[in-house]
PDB file of all heavy atoms in Angstrom:
ATOM      1  N   GLY A   1     -34.642  77.279 119.045  1.00  0.00           N
ATOM      2  CA  GLY A   1     -34.188  78.230 120.022  1.00  0.00           C
ATOM      3  C   GLY A   1     -35.442  78.909 120.614  1.00  0.00           C
ATOM      4  O   GLY A   1     -35.397  79.345 121.801  1.00  0.00           O
ATOM      5  N   LEU A   2     -36.412  79.246 119.799  1.00  0.00           N
ATOM      6  CA  LEU A   2     -37.626  79.876 120.170  1.00  0.00           C
ATOM      7  C   LEU A   2     -38.450  78.932 121.188  1.00  0.00           C
ATOM      8  O   LEU A   2     -38.822  79.448 122.239  1.00  0.00           O
ATOM      9  CB  LEU A   2     -38.588  80.309 119.073  1.00  0.00           C
ATOM     10  CG  LEU A   2     -39.851  80.872 119.333  1.00  0.00           C
ATOM     11  CD1 LEU A   2     -39.778  82.018 120.236  1.00  0.00           C
ATOM     12  CD2 LEU A   2     -40.706  81.177 117.985  1.00  0.00           C
ATOM     13  N   PHE A   3     -38.357  77.683 120.986  1.00  0.00           N
ATOM     14  CA  PHE A   3     -39.095  76.728 121.901  1.00  0.00           C
ATOM     15  C   PHE A   3     -38.458  76.707 123.261  1.00  0.00           C
ATOM     16  O   PHE A   3     -39.073  76.715 124.265  1.00  0.00           O
ATOM     17  CB  PHE A   3     -39.107  75.337 121.223  1.00  0.00           C
ATOM     18  CG  PHE A   3     -39.871  74.331 122.040  1.00  0.00           C
ATOM     19  CD1 PHE A   3     -41.225  74.450 122.215  1.00  0.00           C
ATOM     20  CD2 PHE A   3     -39.200  73.216 122.484  1.00  0.00           C
ATOM     21  CE1 PHE A   3     -41.960  73.487 123.029  1.00  0.00           C
ATOM     22  CE2 PHE A   3     -39.943  72.220 123.213  1.00  0.00           C
ATOM     23  CZ  PHE A   3     -41.311  72.400 123.457  1.00  0.00           C
ATOM     24  N   GLU A   4     -37.064  76.638 123.221  1.00  0.00           N
ATOM     25  CA  GLU A   4     -36.411  76.708 124.409  1.00  0.00           C
ATOM     26  C   GLU A   4     -36.683  77.970 125.321  1.00  0.00           C
ATOM     27  O   GLU A   4     -36.820  78.072 126.405  1.00  0.00           O
ATOM     28  CB  GLU A   4     -34.908  76.641 124.197  1.00  0.00           C
ATOM     29  CG  GLU A   4     -34.546  75.216 123.817  1.00  0.00           C
ATOM     30  CD  GLU A   4     -32.905  75.059 123.609  1.00  0.00           C
ATOM     31  OE1 GLU A   4     -32.181  75.905 124.254  1.00  0.00           O
ATOM     32  OE2 GLU A   4     -32.472  74.117 122.882  1.00  0.00           O
ATOM     33  N   ALA A   5     -36.660  79.122 124.490  1.00  0.00           N
ATOM     34  CA  ALA A   5     -37.046  80.401 125.205  1.00  0.00           C
ATOM     35  C   ALA A   5     -38.405  80.477 125.711  1.00  0.00           C
ATOM     36  O   ALA A   5     -38.598  80.941 126.940  1.00  0.00           O
ATOM     37  CB  ALA A   5     -36.917  81.539 124.119  1.00  0.00           C
ATOM     38  N   VAL A   6     -39.338  79.752 125.162  1.00  0.00           N
ATOM     39  CA  VAL A   6     -40.784  79.785 125.729  1.00  0.00           C
ATOM     40  C   VAL A   6     -40.714  78.784 126.997  1.00  0.00           C
ATOM     41  O   VAL A   6     -41.370  79.313 127.979  1.00  0.00           O
ATOM     42  CB  VAL A   6     -41.627  79.188 124.565  1.00  0.00           C
ATOM     43  CG1 VAL A   6     -43.024  78.775 125.278  1.00  0.00           C
ATOM     44  CG2 VAL A   6     -41.769  80.105 123.468  1.00  0.00           C
ATOM     45  N   ILE A   7     -40.144  77.634 126.891  1.00  0.00           N
ATOM     46  CA  ILE A   7     -40.130  76.875 128.051  1.00  0.00           C
ATOM     47  C   ILE A   7     -39.419  77.516 129.266  1.00  0.00           C
ATOM     48  O   ILE A   7     -39.779  77.534 130.468  1.00  0.00           O
ATOM     49  CB  ILE A   7     -39.339  75.460 127.730  1.00  0.00           C
ATOM     50  CG1 ILE A   7     -40.144  74.745 126.672  1.00  0.00           C
ATOM     51  CG2 ILE A   7     -39.156  74.631 128.983  1.00  0.00           C
ATOM     52  CD1 ILE A   7     -41.413  74.171 127.262  1.00  0.00           C
ATOM     53  N   ARG A   8     -38.282  78.141 128.891  1.00  0.00           N
ATOM     54  CA  ARG A   8     -37.538  78.823 129.977  1.00  0.00           C
ATOM     55  C   ARG A   8     -38.383  80.037 130.658  1.00  0.00           C
ATOM     56  O   ARG A   8     -38.244  80.096 131.839  1.00  0.00           O
ATOM     57  CB  ARG A   8     -36.190  79.409 129.319  1.00  0.00           C
ATOM     58  CG  ARG A   8     -35.178  80.016 130.427  1.00  0.00           C
ATOM     59  CD  ARG A   8     -33.818  80.138 129.752  1.00  0.00           C
ATOM     60  NE  ARG A   8     -33.861  81.008 128.500  1.00  0.00           N
ATOM     61  CZ  ARG A   8     -33.692  80.567 127.294  1.00  0.00           C
ATOM     62  NH1 ARG A   8     -33.366  79.284 127.095  1.00  0.00           N
ATOM     63  NH2 ARG A   8     -33.742  81.383 126.277  1.00  0.00           N
ATOM     64  N   HIS A   9     -39.019  80.679 129.753  1.00  0.00           N
ATOM     65  CA  HIS A   9     -39.812  81.794 130.212  1.00  0.00           C
ATOM     66  C   HIS A   9     -40.946  81.296 131.233  1.00  0.00           C
ATOM     67  O   HIS A   9     -41.142  81.869 132.405  1.00  0.00           O
ATOM     68  CB  HIS A   9     -40.551  82.442 129.096  1.00  0.00           C
ATOM     69  CG  HIS A   9     -41.734  83.303 129.373  1.00  0.00           C
ATOM     70  ND1 HIS A   9     -41.616  84.546 129.972  1.00  0.00           N
ATOM     71  CD2 HIS A   9     -43.016  83.178 129.457  1.00  0.00           C
ATOM     72  CE1 HIS A   9     -42.647  85.194 130.293  1.00  0.00           C
ATOM     73  NE2 HIS A   9     -43.735  84.385 129.940  1.00  0.00           N
ATOM     74  N   TRP A  10     -41.594  80.176 130.892  1.00  0.00           N
ATOM     75  CA  TRP A  10     -42.608  79.701 131.757  1.00  0.00           C
ATOM     76  C   TRP A  10     -42.094  79.033 133.138  1.00  0.00           C
ATOM     77  O   TRP A  10     -42.605  79.101 134.196  1.00  0.00           O
ATOM     78  CB  TRP A  10     -43.559  78.705 131.163  1.00  0.00           C
ATOM     79  CG  TRP A  10     -44.496  79.371 130.129  1.00  0.00           C
ATOM     80  CD1 TRP A  10     -44.502  79.227 128.782  1.00  0.00           C
ATOM     81  CD2 TRP A  10     -45.545  80.348 130.439  1.00  0.00           C
ATOM     82  NE1 TRP A  10     -45.490  80.096 128.222  1.00  0.00           N
ATOM     83  CE2 TRP A  10     -46.148  80.784 129.262  1.00  0.00           C
ATOM     84  CE3 TRP A  10     -45.858  80.982 131.633  1.00  0.00           C
ATOM     85  CZ2 TRP A  10     -47.083  81.773 129.191  1.00  0.00           C
ATOM     86  CZ3 TRP A  10     -46.938  81.895 131.660  1.00  0.00           C
ATOM     87  CH2 TRP A  10     -47.433  82.295 130.421  1.00  0.00           C
ATOM     88  N   LEU A  11     -40.924  78.381 132.966  1.00  0.00           N
ATOM     89  CA  LEU A  11     -40.240  77.784 134.140  1.00  0.00           C
ATOM     90  C   LEU A  11     -39.993  78.876 135.187  1.00  0.00           C
ATOM     91  O   LEU A  11     -40.116  78.617 136.353  1.00  0.00           O
ATOM     92  CB  LEU A  11     -38.963  77.068 133.684  1.00  0.00           C
ATOM     93  CG  LEU A  11     -39.173  75.705 133.037  1.00  0.00           C
ATOM     94  CD1 LEU A  11     -37.895  75.174 132.590  1.00  0.00           C
ATOM     95  CD2 LEU A  11     -39.833  74.742 134.019  1.00  0.00           C
ATOM     96  N   VAL A  12     -39.450  80.045 134.669  1.00  0.00           N
ATOM     97  CA  VAL A  12     -39.156  81.113 135.621  1.00  0.00           C
ATOM     98  C   VAL A  12     -40.453  81.687 136.221  1.00  0.00           C
ATOM     99  O   VAL A  12     -40.474  82.071 137.400  1.00  0.00           O
ATOM    100  CB  VAL A  12     -38.541  82.267 134.767  1.00  0.00           C
ATOM    101  CG1 VAL A  12     -38.374  83.567 135.690  1.00  0.00           C
ATOM    102  CG2 VAL A  12     -37.021  81.819 134.421  1.00  0.00           C
ATOM    103  N   GLU A  13     -41.546  81.609 135.432  1.00  0.00           N
ATOM    104  CA  GLU A  13     -42.829  82.135 136.056  1.00  0.00           C
ATOM    105  C   GLU A  13     -43.514  81.217 137.005  1.00  0.00           C
ATOM    106  O   GLU A  13     -44.525  81.646 137.721  1.00  0.00           O
ATOM    107  CB  GLU A  13     -43.792  82.321 134.849  1.00  0.00           C
ATOM    108  CG  GLU A  13     -43.445  83.393 134.016  1.00  0.00           C
ATOM    109  CD  GLU A  13     -43.450  84.755 134.618  1.00  0.00           C
ATOM    110  OE1 GLU A  13     -44.536  85.072 135.293  1.00  0.00           O
ATOM    111  OE2 GLU A  13     -42.461  85.504 134.473  1.00  0.00           O
ATOM    112  N   LEU A  14     -43.106  79.921 137.033  1.00  0.00           N
ATOM    113  CA  LEU A  14     -43.723  78.977 138.040  1.00  0.00           C
ATOM    114  C   LEU A  14     -43.564  79.548 139.556  1.00  0.00           C
ATOM    115  O   LEU A  14     -42.504  79.924 139.929  1.00  0.00           O
ATOM    116  CB  LEU A  14     -43.054  77.609 138.086  1.00  0.00           C
ATOM    117  CG  LEU A  14     -43.520  76.626 137.104  1.00  0.00           C
ATOM    118  CD1 LEU A  14     -42.515  75.352 137.036  1.00  0.00           C
ATOM    119  CD2 LEU A  14     -44.889  76.243 137.264  1.00  0.00           C
ATOM    120  N   PRO A  15     -44.617  79.534 140.384  1.00  0.00           N
ATOM    121  CA  PRO A  15     -44.603  80.139 141.686  1.00  0.00           C
ATOM    122  C   PRO A  15     -43.823  79.129 142.599  1.00  0.00           C
ATOM    123  O   PRO A  15     -43.985  77.912 142.468  1.00  0.00           O
ATOM    124  CB  PRO A  15     -46.054  80.219 142.107  1.00  0.00           C
ATOM    125  CG  PRO A  15     -46.700  79.278 141.192  1.00  0.00           C
ATOM    126  CD  PRO A  15     -46.052  79.087 139.868  1.00  0.00           C
ATOM    127  N   ALA A  16     -43.046  79.733 143.388  1.00  0.00           N
ATOM    128  CA  ALA A  16     -42.374  78.912 144.451  1.00  0.00           C
ATOM    129  C   ALA A  16     -43.360  78.523 145.500  1.00  0.00           C
ATOM    130  O   ALA A  16     -44.245  79.323 145.905  1.00  0.00           O
ATOM    131  CB  ALA A  16     -41.197  79.671 145.087  1.00  0.00           C
ATOM    132  N   PRO A  17     -43.194  77.299 146.088  1.00  0.00           N
ATOM    133  CA  PRO A  17     -44.256  76.962 147.112  1.00  0.00           C
ATOM    134  C   PRO A  17     -44.113  77.647 148.379  1.00  0.00           C
ATOM    135  O   PRO A  17     -42.917  77.975 148.793  1.00  0.00           O
ATOM    136  CB  PRO A  17     -43.845  75.425 147.236  1.00  0.00           C
ATOM    137  CG  PRO A  17     -42.466  75.211 146.873  1.00  0.00           C
ATOM    138  CD  PRO A  17     -42.311  76.255 145.780  1.00  0.00           C
ATOM    139  N   SER A  18     -45.213  77.824 149.029  1.00  0.00           N
ATOM    140  CA  SER A  18     -45.211  78.573 150.404  1.00  0.00           C
ATOM    141  C   SER A  18     -45.593  77.534 151.298  1.00  0.00           C
ATOM    142  O   SER A  18     -46.681  77.284 151.591  1.00  0.00           O
ATOM    143  CB  SER A  18     -46.168  79.748 150.373  1.00  0.00           C
ATOM    144  OG  SER A  18     -46.191  80.314 151.595  1.00  0.00           O
ATOM    145  N   LEU A  19     -44.485  76.864 151.996  1.00  0.00           N
ATOM    146  CA  LEU A  19     -44.753  75.792 152.926  1.00  0.00           C
ATOM    147  C   LEU A  19     -44.321  76.253 154.252  1.00  0.00           C
ATOM    148  O   LEU A  19     -43.201  76.818 154.425  1.00  0.00           O
ATOM    149  CB  LEU A  19     -44.006  74.611 152.543  1.00  0.00           C
ATOM    150  CG  LEU A  19     -44.473  74.057 151.120  1.00  0.00           C
ATOM    151  CD1 LEU A  19     -43.476  72.983 150.602  1.00  0.00           C
ATOM    152  CD2 LEU A  19     -45.773  73.338 151.172  1.00  0.00           C
ATOM    153  N   PRO A  20     -44.994  75.863 155.340  1.00  0.00           N
ATOM    154  CA  PRO A  20     -44.727  76.247 156.773  1.00  0.00           C
ATOM    155  C   PRO A  20     -43.316  75.607 157.132  1.00  0.00           C
ATOM    156  O   PRO A  20     -43.104  74.443 156.693  1.00  0.00           O
ATOM    157  CB  PRO A  20     -45.883  75.695 157.599  1.00  0.00           C
ATOM    158  CG  PRO A  20     -46.517  74.668 156.712  1.00  0.00           C
ATOM    159  CD  PRO A  20     -46.306  75.145 155.372  1.00  0.00           C
ATOM    160  N   ASN A  21     -42.566  76.178 157.850  1.00  0.00           N
ATOM    161  CA  ASN A  21     -41.249  75.735 158.254  1.00  0.00           C
ATOM    162  C   ASN A  21     -41.000  76.063 159.682  1.00  0.00           C
ATOM    163  O   ASN A  21     -40.991  77.317 159.973  1.00  0.00           O
ATOM    164  CB  ASN A  21     -40.104  76.258 157.403  1.00  0.00           C
ATOM    165  CG  ASN A  21     -38.843  75.599 157.662  1.00  0.00           C
ATOM    166  OD1 ASN A  21     -38.719  74.452 158.043  1.00  0.00           O
ATOM    167  ND2 ASN A  21     -37.722  76.347 157.383  1.00  0.00           N
ATOM    168  N   PRO A  22     -40.821  75.169 160.657  1.00  0.00           N
ATOM    169  CA  PRO A  22     -40.771  73.743 160.332  1.00  0.00           C
ATOM    170  C   PRO A  22     -42.137  73.137 160.273  1.00  0.00           C
ATOM    171  O   PRO A  22     -43.114  73.743 160.731  1.00  0.00           O
ATOM    172  CB  PRO A  22     -39.902  73.160 161.571  1.00  0.00           C
ATOM    173  CG  PRO A  22     -40.280  74.121 162.667  1.00  0.00           C
ATOM    174  CD  PRO A  22     -40.405  75.433 162.028  1.00  0.00           C
ATOM    175  N   ALA A  23     -42.278  71.881 159.884  1.00  0.00           N
ATOM    176  CA  ALA A  23     -43.500  71.200 159.778  1.00  0.00           C
ATOM    177  C   ALA A  23     -44.040  70.946 161.173  1.00  0.00           C
ATOM    178  O   ALA A  23     -43.276  70.633 162.049  1.00  0.00           O
ATOM    179  CB  ALA A  23     -43.368  69.925 158.960  1.00  0.00           C
ATOM    180  N   GLY A  24     -45.296  71.167 161.437  1.00  0.00           N
ATOM    181  CA  GLY A  24     -45.794  70.961 162.772  1.00  0.00           C
ATOM    182  C   GLY A  24     -47.353  70.908 162.670  1.00  0.00           C
ATOM    183  O   GLY A  24     -47.930  71.425 161.679  1.00  0.00           O
ATOM    184  N   GLY A  25     -47.965  70.243 163.658  1.00  0.00           N
ATOM    185  CA  GLY A  25     -49.272  70.201 163.846  1.00  0.00           C
ATOM    186  C   GLY A  25     -49.881  68.785 163.350  1.00  0.00           C
ATOM    187  O   GLY A  25     -49.122  67.869 163.339  1.00  0.00           O
ATOM    188  N   ALA A  26     -51.160  68.698 163.327  1.00  0.00           N
ATOM    189  CA  ALA A  26     -51.874  67.444 163.020  1.00  0.00           C
ATOM    190  C   ALA A  26     -51.483  67.036 161.589  1.00  0.00           C
ATOM    191  O   ALA A  26     -51.295  67.809 160.746  1.00  0.00           O
ATOM    192  CB  ALA A  26     -53.410  67.546 163.135  1.00  0.00           C
ATOM    193  N   LEU A  27     -51.461  65.750 161.495  1.00  0.00           N
ATOM    194  CA  LEU A  27     -51.055  65.180 160.100  1.00  0.00           C
ATOM    195  C   LEU A  27     -51.994  65.650 158.978  1.00  0.00           C
ATOM    196  O   LEU A  27     -51.533  66.089 157.895  1.00  0.00           O
ATOM    197  CB  LEU A  27     -51.043  63.655 160.197  1.00  0.00           C
ATOM    198  CG  LEU A  27     -50.531  62.989 158.845  1.00  0.00           C
ATOM    199  CD1 LEU A  27     -49.183  63.422 158.366  1.00  0.00           C
ATOM    200  CD2 LEU A  27     -50.631  61.545 158.920  1.00  0.00           C
ATOM    201  N   ARG A  28     -53.327  65.596 159.219  1.00  0.00           N
ATOM    202  CA  ARG A  28     -54.195  65.952 158.164  1.00  0.00           C
ATOM    203  C   ARG A  28     -54.079  67.454 157.737  1.00  0.00           C
ATOM    204  O   ARG A  28     -53.967  67.801 156.651  1.00  0.00           O
ATOM    205  CB  ARG A  28     -55.618  65.778 158.668  1.00  0.00           C
ATOM    206  CG  ARG A  28     -56.729  66.179 157.505  1.00  0.00           C
ATOM    207  CD  ARG A  28     -58.191  66.021 158.019  1.00  0.00           C
ATOM    208  NE  ARG A  28     -58.387  64.573 158.387  1.00  0.00           N
ATOM    209  CZ  ARG A  28     -58.778  63.621 157.433  1.00  0.00           C
ATOM    210  NH1 ARG A  28     -58.786  64.007 156.151  1.00  0.00           N
ATOM    211  NH2 ARG A  28     -59.052  62.498 157.821  1.00  0.00           N
ATOM    212  N   ALA A  29     -53.790  68.301 158.732  1.00  0.00           N
ATOM    213  CA  ALA A  29     -53.547  69.765 158.382  1.00  0.00           C
ATOM    214  C   ALA A  29     -52.262  69.937 157.743  1.00  0.00           C
ATOM    215  O   ALA A  29     -52.216  70.819 156.804  1.00  0.00           O
ATOM    216  CB  ALA A  29     -53.547  70.542 159.752  1.00  0.00           C
ATOM    217  N   GLN A  30     -51.221  69.239 158.095  1.00  0.00           N
ATOM    218  CA  GLN A  30     -50.085  69.372 157.354  1.00  0.00           C
ATOM    219  C   GLN A  30     -50.082  68.892 155.903  1.00  0.00           C
ATOM    220  O   GLN A  30     -49.562  69.532 155.019  1.00  0.00           O
ATOM    221  CB  GLN A  30     -48.813  68.605 158.079  1.00  0.00           C
ATOM    222  CG  GLN A  30     -48.495  69.140 159.471  1.00  0.00           C
ATOM    223  CD  GLN A  30     -47.524  68.299 160.224  1.00  0.00           C
ATOM    224  OE1 GLN A  30     -46.367  68.555 159.820  1.00  0.00           O
ATOM    225  NE2 GLN A  30     -47.952  67.401 160.992  1.00  0.00           N
ATOM    226  N   LEU A  31     -50.765  67.809 155.724  1.00  0.00           N
ATOM    227  CA  LEU A  31     -50.893  67.162 154.411  1.00  0.00           C
ATOM    228  C   LEU A  31     -51.699  68.205 153.567  1.00  0.00           C
ATOM    229  O   LEU A  31     -51.484  68.361 152.186  1.00  0.00           O
ATOM    230  CB  LEU A  31     -51.486  65.870 154.331  1.00  0.00           C
ATOM    231  CG  LEU A  31     -50.678  64.742 154.964  1.00  0.00           C
ATOM    232  CD1 LEU A  31     -51.413  63.352 155.046  1.00  0.00           C
ATOM    233  CD2 LEU A  31     -49.356  64.556 154.194  1.00  0.00           C
ATOM    234  N   ASN A  32     -52.881  68.759 154.189  1.00  0.00           N
ATOM    235  CA  ASN A  32     -53.658  69.633 153.439  1.00  0.00           C
ATOM    236  C   ASN A  32     -52.883  70.954 152.955  1.00  0.00           C
ATOM    237  O   ASN A  32     -53.115  71.429 151.893  1.00  0.00           O
ATOM    238  CB  ASN A  32     -54.859  70.006 154.269  1.00  0.00           C
ATOM    239  CG  ASN A  32     -56.047  69.039 154.120  1.00  0.00           C
ATOM    240  OD1 ASN A  32     -56.275  68.447 153.036  1.00  0.00           O
ATOM    241  ND2 ASN A  32     -56.784  68.805 155.053  1.00  0.00           N
ATOM    242  N   ALA A  33     -52.031  71.268 153.873  1.00  0.00           N
ATOM    243  CA  ALA A  33     -51.138  72.516 153.565  1.00  0.00           C
ATOM    244  C   ALA A  33     -50.269  72.277 152.299  1.00  0.00           C
ATOM    245  O   ALA A  33     -50.219  73.149 151.410  1.00  0.00           O
ATOM    246  CB  ALA A  33     -50.216  73.002 154.650  1.00  0.00           C
TER     247      ALA A  33
END
């Protein structure tokens, strides 16, 4: 139960990705983003 709480805690802390929407621009720039 403690292990599950630890995993759950860190999963919640994971940052959501900040991705441009919609995708656009040169392929290299988009892949680098």
